[in-house]
């Protein structure tokens, strides 16, 4: 009975799914500079196998008349081998640009000018592996600013923060309190996607933080929502977990005028834990009331 053979469409579908998985894990760039033709390599290997001389079969040795083993001769002392010192690895060239001075950042008077400065900045290693800069989305005159952790795969492809599944849930949450993209301003603690959607390192967050702080100063929102523990710990400079921070008003004091801050659960967490949506809803209602009172 002949074995079951997969249809070409099925094989192509599995291959596409595997490539999508590799891209989601961050393996979205070729390592070699030139492509490798696997069919050509296979053809060469088969050609060499056909032209190679036939190997003689191994013969079993006859130990019936084997002589007594002779004692091994001690090797004569030779010259002392020279000590080979490893060659020092040449220092790698400077890969990142220096952070612009606070004066240079402060010279940007609009969010568009700040974005242009970030586009020229090479001091964050994430820029080398990401496809797009995810600076912000929303209105530059919004009363409510939302800050998440880092862009994901969908965000990297579109160049905007919170446009994937978590972003779609966030839009529904905001719509429930009468807000949409025209009345909010959304960004992240880092502007480029970490490979494989890993957590950004403190160094990567620190490289983007001066721009983010000036971003807040230029926007001057009436309230800030911090989405998730990473954004909350960064902006509030605390080691407390998100469950201790959420539901309580804090203050951001680096924009000249103190800005009320509410930390809440990240939409990606809510996608995995539906029961926690009730807590996030409570936080949203507090933000809605605060904006209505101002």
C-alpha atoms as a PDB file:
ATOM      1  CA  UNK A   1       0.000   0.000   0.000  1.00  0.00           C
ATOM      2  CA  UNK A   2       1.502   3.306  -1.022  1.00  0.00           C
ATOM      3  CA  UNK A   3       2.175   5.830   1.704  1.00  0.00           C
ATOM      4  CA  UNK A   4       0.097   8.942   1.991  1.00  0.00           C
ATOM      5  CA  UNK A   5       1.644  11.882   0.132  1.00  0.00           C
ATOM      6  CA  UNK A   6       0.933  15.459   1.152  1.00  0.00           C
ATOM      7  CA  UNK A   7      -0.546  17.789  -1.408  1.00  0.00           C
ATOM      8  CA  UNK A   8       1.743  20.625  -2.606  1.00  0.00           C
ATOM      9  CA  UNK A   9      -0.707  23.162  -1.168  1.00  0.00           C
ATOM     10  CA  UNK A  10      -0.420  21.523   2.273  1.00  0.00           C
ATOM     11  CA  UNK A  11       3.384  21.545   2.152  1.00  0.00           C
ATOM     12  CA  UNK A  12       3.411  25.192   1.065  1.00  0.00           C
ATOM     13  CA  UNK A  13       1.037  26.086   3.890  1.00  0.00           C
ATOM     14  CA  UNK A  14       3.220  24.370   6.481  1.00  0.00           C
ATOM     15  CA  UNK A  15       6.320  26.100   5.105  1.00  0.00           C
ATOM     16  CA  UNK A  16       4.606  29.499   5.254  1.00  0.00           C
ATOM     17  CA  UNK A  17       3.486  28.846   8.835  1.00  0.00           C
ATOM     18  CA  UNK A  18       7.055  27.882   9.789  1.00  0.00           C
ATOM     19  CA  UNK A  19       8.451  31.067   8.234  1.00  0.00           C
ATOM     20  CA  UNK A  20       5.843  33.129  10.094  1.00  0.00           C
ATOM     21  CA  UNK A  21       6.899  31.453  13.341  1.00  0.00           C
ATOM     22  CA  UNK A  22      10.578  32.209  12.668  1.00  0.00           C
ATOM     23  CA  UNK A  23       9.698  35.855  11.983  1.00  0.00           C
ATOM     24  CA  UNK A  24       7.671  36.080  15.203  1.00  0.00           C
ATOM     25  CA  UNK A  25      10.650  34.732  17.136  1.00  0.00           C
ATOM     26  CA  UNK A  26      12.878  37.440  15.681  1.00  0.00           C
ATOM     27  CA  UNK A  27      14.669  35.363  13.031  1.00  0.00           C
ATOM     28  CA  UNK A  28      13.533  37.658  10.255  1.00  0.00           C
ATOM     29  CA  UNK A  29      16.875  38.324   8.576  1.00  0.00           C
ATOM     30  CA  UNK A  30      19.233  36.092   6.585  1.00  0.00           C
ATOM     31  CA  UNK A  31      22.605  35.485   8.202  1.00  0.00           C
ATOM     32  CA  UNK A  32      24.520  35.000   4.959  1.00  0.00           C
ATOM     33  CA  UNK A  33      24.971  37.848   2.509  1.00  0.00           C
ATOM     34  CA  UNK A  34      24.104  35.639  -0.496  1.00  0.00           C
ATOM     35  CA  UNK A  35      21.330  33.040  -0.810  1.00  0.00           C
ATOM     36  CA  UNK A  36      22.184  29.324  -0.806  1.00  0.00           C
ATOM     37  CA  UNK A  37      20.801  27.121  -3.590  1.00  0.00           C
ATOM     38  CA  UNK A  38      20.151  23.840  -1.752  1.00  0.00           C
ATOM     39  CA  UNK A  39      19.248  22.051  -5.004  1.00  0.00           C
ATOM     40  CA  UNK A  40      22.630  22.927  -6.529  1.00  0.00           C
ATOM     41  CA  UNK A  41      24.458  21.701  -3.416  1.00  0.00           C
ATOM     42  CA  UNK A  42      22.508  18.425  -3.491  1.00  0.00           C
ATOM     43  CA  UNK A  43      23.250  17.917  -7.213  1.00  0.00           C
ATOM     44  CA  UNK A  44      26.986  18.431  -6.648  1.00  0.00           C
ATOM     45  CA  UNK A  45      26.991  15.937  -3.766  1.00  0.00           C
ATOM     46  CA  UNK A  46      25.253  13.305  -5.917  1.00  0.00           C
ATOM     47  CA  UNK A  47      27.677  13.928  -8.795  1.00  0.00           C
ATOM     48  CA  UNK A  48      30.684  13.442  -6.512  1.00  0.00           C
ATOM     49  CA  UNK A  49      29.189  10.235  -5.129  1.00  0.00           C
ATOM     50  CA  UNK A  50      28.825   8.791  -8.653  1.00  0.00           C
ATOM     51  CA  UNK A  51      32.376   9.659  -9.744  1.00  0.00           C
ATOM     52  CA  UNK A  52      34.140   8.583  -6.528  1.00  0.00           C
ATOM     53  CA  UNK A  53      36.080   5.267  -6.781  1.00  0.00           C
ATOM     54  CA  UNK A  54      34.434   2.254  -5.208  1.00  0.00           C
ATOM     55  CA  UNK A  55      35.675   1.424  -1.759  1.00  0.00           C
ATOM     56  CA  UNK A  56      37.200  -1.964  -1.076  1.00  0.00           C
ATOM     57  CA  UNK A  57      35.410  -4.044   1.531  1.00  0.00           C
ATOM     58  CA  UNK A  58      37.151  -4.194   4.864  1.00  0.00           C
ATOM     59  CA  UNK A  59      38.991  -7.479   5.556  1.00  0.00           C
ATOM     60  CA  UNK A  60      38.898  -9.049   8.959  1.00  0.00           C
ATOM     61  CA  UNK A  61      42.454  -9.249  10.355  1.00  0.00           C
ATOM     62  CA  UNK A  62      43.893 -12.687  11.158  1.00  0.00           C
ATOM     63  CA  UNK A  63      45.104 -12.801  14.767  1.00  0.00           C
ATOM     64  CA  UNK A  64      45.965 -16.527  14.735  1.00  0.00           C
ATOM     65  CA  UNK A  65      49.689 -15.876  14.144  1.00  0.00           C
ATOM     66  CA  UNK A  66      49.958 -12.553  15.870  1.00  0.00           C
ATOM     67  CA  UNK A  67      53.300 -11.801  17.507  1.00  0.00           C
ATOM     68  CA  UNK A  68      53.756 -10.732  21.065  1.00  0.00           C
ATOM     69  CA  UNK A  69      53.332  -6.996  21.341  1.00  0.00           C
ATOM     70  CA  UNK A  70      56.609  -5.166  21.623  1.00  0.00           C
ATOM     71  CA  UNK A  71      57.088  -2.710  24.480  1.00  0.00           C
ATOM     72  CA  UNK A  72      56.494   0.847  23.406  1.00  0.00           C
ATOM     73  CA  UNK A  73      59.617   2.913  22.921  1.00  0.00           C
ATOM     74  CA  UNK A  74      59.896   6.008  25.000  1.00  0.00           C
ATOM     75  CA  UNK A  75      59.999   9.042  22.739  1.00  0.00           C
ATOM     76  CA  UNK A  76      63.217  10.949  22.749  1.00  0.00           C
ATOM     77  CA  UNK A  77      62.984  14.345  24.404  1.00  0.00           C
ATOM     78  CA  UNK A  78      62.511  17.022  21.843  1.00  0.00           C
ATOM     79  CA  UNK A  79      62.750  20.785  21.976  1.00  0.00           C
ATOM     80  CA  UNK A  80      60.457  22.529  24.422  1.00  0.00           C
ATOM     81  CA  UNK A  81      57.386  23.747  22.554  1.00  0.00           C
ATOM     82  CA  UNK A  82      57.016  27.481  22.292  1.00  0.00           C
ATOM     83  CA  UNK A  83      54.228  29.142  24.194  1.00  0.00           C
ATOM     84  CA  UNK A  84      51.798  30.593  21.706  1.00  0.00           C
ATOM     85  CA  UNK A  85      50.063  33.687  22.987  1.00  0.00           C
ATOM     86  CA  UNK A  86      46.545  34.216  21.685  1.00  0.00           C
ATOM     87  CA  UNK A  87      46.200  37.163  19.379  1.00  0.00           C
ATOM     88  CA  UNK A  88      44.181  39.947  20.946  1.00  0.00           C
ATOM     89  CA  UNK A  89      40.739  40.423  19.461  1.00  0.00           C
ATOM     90  CA  UNK A  90      40.666  43.824  17.767  1.00  0.00           C
ATOM     91  CA  UNK A  91      38.195  46.182  19.411  1.00  0.00           C
ATOM     92  CA  UNK A  92      34.895  46.484  17.600  1.00  0.00           C
ATOM     93  CA  UNK A  93      34.095  49.778  16.061  1.00  0.00           C
ATOM     94  CA  UNK A  94      31.735  52.154  17.785  1.00  0.00           C
ATOM     95  CA  UNK A  95      28.310  50.869  16.838  1.00  0.00           C
ATOM     96  CA  UNK A  96      26.097  53.421  18.529  1.00  0.00           C
ATOM     97  CA  UNK A  97      25.949  57.164  18.320  1.00  0.00           C
ATOM     98  CA  UNK A  98      26.253  59.238  21.459  1.00  0.00           C
ATOM     99  CA  UNK A  99      23.052  60.364  23.076  1.00  0.00           C
ATOM    100  CA  UNK A 100      22.141  63.912  22.052  1.00  0.00           C
ATOM    101  CA  UNK A 101      22.649  66.389  24.857  1.00  0.00           C
ATOM    102  CA  UNK A 102      19.613  67.564  26.847  1.00  0.00           C
ATOM    103  CA  UNK A 103      20.014  70.917  25.107  1.00  0.00           C
ATOM    104  CA  UNK A 104      19.786  69.304  21.653  1.00  0.00           C
ATOM    105  CA  UNK A 105      16.678  67.365  22.664  1.00  0.00           C
ATOM    106  CA  UNK A 106      15.116  70.453  24.244  1.00  0.00           C
ATOM    107  CA  UNK A 107      15.631  72.383  20.987  1.00  0.00           C
ATOM    108  CA  UNK A 108      12.901  70.299  19.363  1.00  0.00           C
ATOM    109  CA  UNK A 109       9.752  72.365  19.777  1.00  0.00           C
ATOM    110  CA  UNK A 110       7.262  69.973  18.196  1.00  0.00           C
ATOM    111  CA  UNK A 111       6.603  66.258  18.302  1.00  0.00           C
ATOM    112  CA  UNK A 112       7.394  66.091  14.585  1.00  0.00           C
ATOM    113  CA  UNK A 113      10.850  67.588  15.207  1.00  0.00           C
ATOM    114  CA  UNK A 114      11.419  65.144  18.063  1.00  0.00           C
ATOM    115  CA  UNK A 115      10.450  62.228  15.841  1.00  0.00           C
ATOM    116  CA  UNK A 116      12.953  63.395  13.225  1.00  0.00           C
ATOM    117  CA  UNK A 117      15.663  63.491  15.904  1.00  0.00           C
ATOM    118  CA  UNK A 118      14.788  59.949  17.027  1.00  0.00           C
ATOM    119  CA  UNK A 119      14.939  58.737  13.411  1.00  0.00           C
ATOM    120  CA  UNK A 120      18.541  59.968  13.202  1.00  0.00           C
ATOM    121  CA  UNK A 121      19.484  58.450  16.576  1.00  0.00           C
ATOM    122  CA  UNK A 122      21.566  55.244  16.410  1.00  0.00           C
ATOM    123  CA  UNK A 123      22.231  54.839  20.125  1.00  0.00           C
ATOM    124  CA  UNK A 124      19.628  52.114  20.739  1.00  0.00           C
ATOM    125  CA  UNK A 125      20.767  48.633  19.578  1.00  0.00           C
ATOM    126  CA  UNK A 126      17.170  47.668  18.795  1.00  0.00           C
ATOM    127  CA  UNK A 127      17.220  49.947  15.754  1.00  0.00           C
ATOM    128  CA  UNK A 128      19.643  47.577  13.967  1.00  0.00           C
ATOM    129  CA  UNK A 129      17.235  44.622  14.092  1.00  0.00           C
ATOM    130  CA  UNK A 130      13.871  46.364  13.747  1.00  0.00           C
ATOM    131  CA  UNK A 131      12.171  47.187  10.465  1.00  0.00           C
ATOM    132  CA  UNK A 132      10.382  50.352  11.516  1.00  0.00           C
ATOM    133  CA  UNK A 133      10.415  53.164  14.028  1.00  0.00           C
ATOM    134  CA  UNK A 134       7.241  53.014  16.146  1.00  0.00           C
ATOM    135  CA  UNK A 135       7.173  56.536  17.545  1.00  0.00           C
ATOM    136  CA  UNK A 136       3.484  57.117  18.272  1.00  0.00           C
ATOM    137  CA  UNK A 137      -0.072  57.060  17.035  1.00  0.00           C
ATOM    138  CA  UNK A 138      -2.990  59.268  17.919  1.00  0.00           C
ATOM    139  CA  UNK A 139      -3.573  62.983  18.323  1.00  0.00           C
ATOM    140  CA  UNK A 140      -0.781  65.406  19.181  1.00  0.00           C
ATOM    141  CA  UNK A 141      -3.299  67.505  21.138  1.00  0.00           C
ATOM    142  CA  UNK A 142      -4.711  64.632  23.199  1.00  0.00           C
ATOM    143  CA  UNK A 143      -5.532  65.000  26.900  1.00  0.00           C
ATOM    144  CA  UNK A 144      -4.760  61.329  27.603  1.00  0.00           C
ATOM    145  CA  UNK A 145      -1.360  59.730  26.924  1.00  0.00           C
ATOM    146  CA  UNK A 146      -0.809  55.969  27.058  1.00  0.00           C
ATOM    147  CA  UNK A 147       2.663  54.426  27.405  1.00  0.00           C
ATOM    148  CA  UNK A 148       3.311  50.719  26.854  1.00  0.00           C
ATOM    149  CA  UNK A 149       6.465  48.612  26.903  1.00  0.00           C
ATOM    150  CA  UNK A 150       7.707  47.876  23.374  1.00  0.00           C
ATOM    151  CA  UNK A 151       6.447  47.315  19.820  1.00  0.00           C
ATOM    152  CA  UNK A 152       5.649  43.799  18.657  1.00  0.00           C
ATOM    153  CA  UNK A 153       5.704  42.147  15.244  1.00  0.00           C
ATOM    154  CA  UNK A 154       2.572  43.845  13.880  1.00  0.00           C
ATOM    155  CA  UNK A 155       3.739  47.200  15.188  1.00  0.00           C
ATOM    156  CA  UNK A 156       7.156  46.739  13.579  1.00  0.00           C
ATOM    157  CA  UNK A 157       5.529  46.009  10.221  1.00  0.00           C
ATOM    158  CA  UNK A 158       3.173  49.006  10.346  1.00  0.00           C
ATOM    159  CA  UNK A 159       5.425  51.475  12.157  1.00  0.00           C
ATOM    160  CA  UNK A 160       2.801  52.299  14.806  1.00  0.00           C
ATOM    161  CA  UNK A 161       2.428  51.217  18.449  1.00  0.00           C
ATOM    162  CA  UNK A 162      -0.457  48.996  19.583  1.00  0.00           C
ATOM    163  CA  UNK A 163      -1.914  47.870  16.251  1.00  0.00           C
ATOM    164  CA  UNK A 164      -1.843  44.088  16.839  1.00  0.00           C
ATOM    165  CA  UNK A 165      -4.267  42.003  18.888  1.00  0.00           C
ATOM    166  CA  UNK A 166      -3.364  43.828  22.098  1.00  0.00           C
ATOM    167  CA  UNK A 167      -3.819  47.153  20.326  1.00  0.00           C
ATOM    168  CA  UNK A 168      -7.225  46.143  19.025  1.00  0.00           C
ATOM    169  CA  UNK A 169      -8.299  45.283  22.570  1.00  0.00           C
ATOM    170  CA  UNK A 170      -6.898  48.604  23.791  1.00  0.00           C
ATOM    171  CA  UNK A 171      -8.991  50.462  21.191  1.00  0.00           C
ATOM    172  CA  UNK A 172     -12.117  48.684  22.468  1.00  0.00           C
ATOM    173  CA  UNK A 173     -11.227  49.565  26.055  1.00  0.00           C
ATOM    174  CA  UNK A 174     -10.782  53.219  25.152  1.00  0.00           C
ATOM    175  CA  UNK A 175     -14.006  53.242  23.155  1.00  0.00           C
ATOM    176  CA  UNK A 176     -15.819  52.056  26.296  1.00  0.00           C
ATOM    177  CA  UNK A 177     -14.907  55.361  28.000  1.00  0.00           C
ATOM    178  CA  UNK A 178     -15.635  57.479  24.942  1.00  0.00           C
ATOM    179  CA  UNK A 179     -12.076  57.723  23.581  1.00  0.00           C
ATOM    180  CA  UNK A 180     -10.652  56.906  20.167  1.00  0.00           C
ATOM    181  CA  UNK A 181      -7.406  57.478  18.262  1.00  0.00           C
ATOM    182  CA  UNK A 182      -8.334  61.122  17.706  1.00  0.00           C
ATOM    183  CA  UNK A 183      -8.475  61.814  21.450  1.00  0.00           C
ATOM    184  CA  UNK A 184      -5.511  59.804  22.808  1.00  0.00           C
ATOM    185  CA  UNK A 185      -1.761  59.653  22.194  1.00  0.00           C
ATOM    186  CA  UNK A 186      -0.055  56.239  22.367  1.00  0.00           C
ATOM    187  CA  UNK A 187       3.642  55.366  22.553  1.00  0.00           C
ATOM    188  CA  UNK A 188       6.080  52.943  24.258  1.00  0.00           C
ATOM    189  CA  UNK A 189       9.142  53.048  26.501  1.00  0.00           C
ATOM    190  CA  UNK A 190      11.245  51.941  23.493  1.00  0.00           C
ATOM    191  CA  UNK A 191      10.605  52.868  19.877  1.00  0.00           C
ATOM    192  CA  UNK A 192      11.880  49.712  18.148  1.00  0.00           C
ATOM    193  CA  UNK A 193      10.831  46.082  18.417  1.00  0.00           C
ATOM    194  CA  UNK A 194      13.094  43.812  20.515  1.00  0.00           C
ATOM    195  CA  UNK A 195      13.996  40.599  18.625  1.00  0.00           C
ATOM    196  CA  UNK A 196      11.535  37.822  19.359  1.00  0.00           C
ATOM    197  CA  UNK A 197       9.369  40.248  21.354  1.00  0.00           C
ATOM    198  CA  UNK A 198      11.656  39.843  24.351  1.00  0.00           C
ATOM    199  CA  UNK A 199      11.638  42.305  27.229  1.00  0.00           C
ATOM    200  CA  UNK A 200      13.779  45.373  26.465  1.00  0.00           C
ATOM    201  CA  UNK A 201      16.916  45.676  28.577  1.00  0.00           C
ATOM    202  CA  UNK A 202      17.497  48.595  30.993  1.00  0.00           C
ATOM    203  CA  UNK A 203      20.161  49.897  28.589  1.00  0.00           C
ATOM    204  CA  UNK A 204      17.698  49.910  25.681  1.00  0.00           C
ATOM    205  CA  UNK A 205      15.044  51.643  27.778  1.00  0.00           C
ATOM    206  CA  UNK A 206      17.616  54.147  29.049  1.00  0.00           C
ATOM    207  CA  UNK A 207      18.622  55.028  25.485  1.00  0.00           C
ATOM    208  CA  UNK A 208      15.034  56.006  24.635  1.00  0.00           C
ATOM    209  CA  UNK A 209      14.017  57.520  27.974  1.00  0.00           C
ATOM    210  CA  UNK A 210      15.313  61.103  27.367  1.00  0.00           C
ATOM    211  CA  UNK A 211      13.250  61.266  24.181  1.00  0.00           C
ATOM    212  CA  UNK A 212      10.175  59.870  25.951  1.00  0.00           C
ATOM    213  CA  UNK A 213      10.472  62.396  28.765  1.00  0.00           C
ATOM    214  CA  UNK A 214      10.646  65.245  26.250  1.00  0.00           C
ATOM    215  CA  UNK A 215       7.758  63.664  24.369  1.00  0.00           C
ATOM    216  CA  UNK A 216       5.659  64.030  27.520  1.00  0.00           C
ATOM    217  CA  UNK A 217       6.811  67.630  27.989  1.00  0.00           C
ATOM    218  CA  UNK A 218       5.781  68.535  24.450  1.00  0.00           C
ATOM    219  CA  UNK A 219       2.395  66.801  24.611  1.00  0.00           C
ATOM    220  CA  UNK A 220       1.481  68.099  28.105  1.00  0.00           C
ATOM    221  CA  UNK A 221      -1.326  65.571  28.657  1.00  0.00           C
ATOM    222  CA  UNK A 222      -3.846  65.969  31.474  1.00  0.00           C
ATOM    223  CA  UNK A 223      -3.346  62.313  32.478  1.00  0.00           C
ATOM    224  CA  UNK A 224      -1.055  59.392  31.665  1.00  0.00           C
ATOM    225  CA  UNK A 225      -1.919  55.688  31.656  1.00  0.00           C
ATOM    226  CA  UNK A 226       0.976  53.238  32.021  1.00  0.00           C
ATOM    227  CA  UNK A 227       0.169  49.922  30.361  1.00  0.00           C
ATOM    228  CA  UNK A 228       1.837  47.050  32.183  1.00  0.00           C
ATOM    229  CA  UNK A 229       4.484  46.573  34.833  1.00  0.00           C
ATOM    230  CA  UNK A 230       7.477  47.422  32.621  1.00  0.00           C
ATOM    231  CA  UNK A 231       6.144  50.852  31.682  1.00  0.00           C
ATOM    232  CA  UNK A 232       5.025  51.519  35.261  1.00  0.00           C
ATOM    233  CA  UNK A 233       8.373  50.619  36.826  1.00  0.00           C
ATOM    234  CA  UNK A 234      10.239  52.726  34.246  1.00  0.00           C
ATOM    235  CA  UNK A 235       8.159  55.887  34.482  1.00  0.00           C
ATOM    236  CA  UNK A 236       7.508  55.737  38.230  1.00  0.00           C
ATOM    237  CA  UNK A 237      11.027  54.549  39.121  1.00  0.00           C
ATOM    238  CA  UNK A 238       9.772  51.784  41.397  1.00  0.00           C
ATOM    239  CA  UNK A 239      10.261  48.052  41.879  1.00  0.00           C
ATOM    240  CA  UNK A 240       6.667  47.429  42.947  1.00  0.00           C
ATOM    241  CA  UNK A 241       4.617  45.055  40.843  1.00  0.00           C
ATOM    242  CA  UNK A 242       1.747  46.185  38.658  1.00  0.00           C
ATOM    243  CA  UNK A 243      -0.863  44.655  40.974  1.00  0.00           C
ATOM    244  CA  UNK A 244       0.306  46.952  43.777  1.00  0.00           C
ATOM    245  CA  UNK A 245       0.565  49.991  41.522  1.00  0.00           C
ATOM    246  CA  UNK A 246      -2.680  49.760  39.564  1.00  0.00           C
ATOM    247  CA  UNK A 247      -5.824  51.500  40.708  1.00  0.00           C
ATOM    248  CA  UNK A 248      -3.918  54.255  42.540  1.00  0.00           C
ATOM    249  CA  UNK A 249      -3.158  57.724  41.299  1.00  0.00           C
ATOM    250  CA  UNK A 250       0.537  58.572  41.113  1.00  0.00           C
ATOM    251  CA  UNK A 251       2.298  61.685  39.862  1.00  0.00           C
ATOM    252  CA  UNK A 252       4.816  62.296  37.085  1.00  0.00           C
ATOM    253  CA  UNK A 253       6.874  65.369  38.005  1.00  0.00           C
ATOM    254  CA  UNK A 254       9.429  65.751  35.186  1.00  0.00           C
ATOM    255  CA  UNK A 255       7.295  67.790  32.804  1.00  0.00           C
ATOM    256  CA  UNK A 256       7.324  71.054  34.734  1.00  0.00           C
ATOM    257  CA  UNK A 257       3.771  70.567  36.002  1.00  0.00           C
ATOM    258  CA  UNK A 258       2.866  67.346  37.853  1.00  0.00           C
ATOM    259  CA  UNK A 259       0.766  65.014  35.708  1.00  0.00           C
ATOM    260  CA  UNK A 260      -1.629  62.432  37.251  1.00  0.00           C
ATOM    261  CA  UNK A 261      -0.570  58.882  36.369  1.00  0.00           C
ATOM    262  CA  UNK A 262      -2.625  55.687  36.486  1.00  0.00           C
ATOM    263  CA  UNK A 263      -0.907  52.312  36.016  1.00  0.00           C
ATOM    264  CA  UNK A 264      -3.048  49.491  34.704  1.00  0.00           C
ATOM    265  CA  UNK A 265      -2.752  45.992  33.261  1.00  0.00           C
ATOM    266  CA  UNK A 266      -1.291  45.551  29.795  1.00  0.00           C
ATOM    267  CA  UNK A 267      -3.829  44.555  27.103  1.00  0.00           C
ATOM    268  CA  UNK A 268      -1.644  41.571  26.151  1.00  0.00           C
ATOM    269  CA  UNK A 269      -2.028  40.288  29.727  1.00  0.00           C
ATOM    270  CA  UNK A 270      -5.788  40.761  29.505  1.00  0.00           C
ATOM    271  CA  UNK A 271      -5.901  38.624  26.349  1.00  0.00           C
ATOM    272  CA  UNK A 272      -4.472  35.743  28.397  1.00  0.00           C
ATOM    273  CA  UNK A 273      -6.397  36.483  31.605  1.00  0.00           C
ATOM    274  CA  UNK A 274      -9.967  37.532  30.871  1.00  0.00           C
ATOM    275  CA  UNK A 275     -10.860  37.644  34.569  1.00  0.00           C
ATOM    276  CA  UNK A 276      -8.453  40.566  35.038  1.00  0.00           C
ATOM    277  CA  UNK A 277     -10.429  42.779  32.639  1.00  0.00           C
ATOM    278  CA  UNK A 278     -12.618  43.843  35.561  1.00  0.00           C
ATOM    279  CA  UNK A 279      -9.610  45.461  37.272  1.00  0.00           C
ATOM    280  CA  UNK A 280      -8.598  47.248  34.063  1.00  0.00           C
ATOM    281  CA  UNK A 281     -12.175  48.498  33.656  1.00  0.00           C
ATOM    282  CA  UNK A 282     -12.052  50.003  37.146  1.00  0.00           C
ATOM    283  CA  UNK A 283      -8.813  51.807  36.255  1.00  0.00           C
ATOM    284  CA  UNK A 284     -10.356  53.157  33.038  1.00  0.00           C
ATOM    285  CA  UNK A 285     -13.369  54.506  34.908  1.00  0.00           C
ATOM    286  CA  UNK A 286     -11.061  56.348  37.310  1.00  0.00           C
ATOM    287  CA  UNK A 287      -9.231  57.914  34.362  1.00  0.00           C
ATOM    288  CA  UNK A 288     -12.526  58.876  32.703  1.00  0.00           C
ATOM    289  CA  UNK A 289     -13.701  60.562  35.899  1.00  0.00           C
ATOM    290  CA  UNK A 290     -10.400  62.379  36.370  1.00  0.00           C
ATOM    291  CA  UNK A 291     -10.465  63.837  32.869  1.00  0.00           C
ATOM    292  CA  UNK A 292     -14.102  64.853  33.291  1.00  0.00           C
ATOM    293  CA  UNK A 293     -13.306  66.708  36.540  1.00  0.00           C
ATOM    294  CA  UNK A 294     -10.387  68.695  35.048  1.00  0.00           C
END
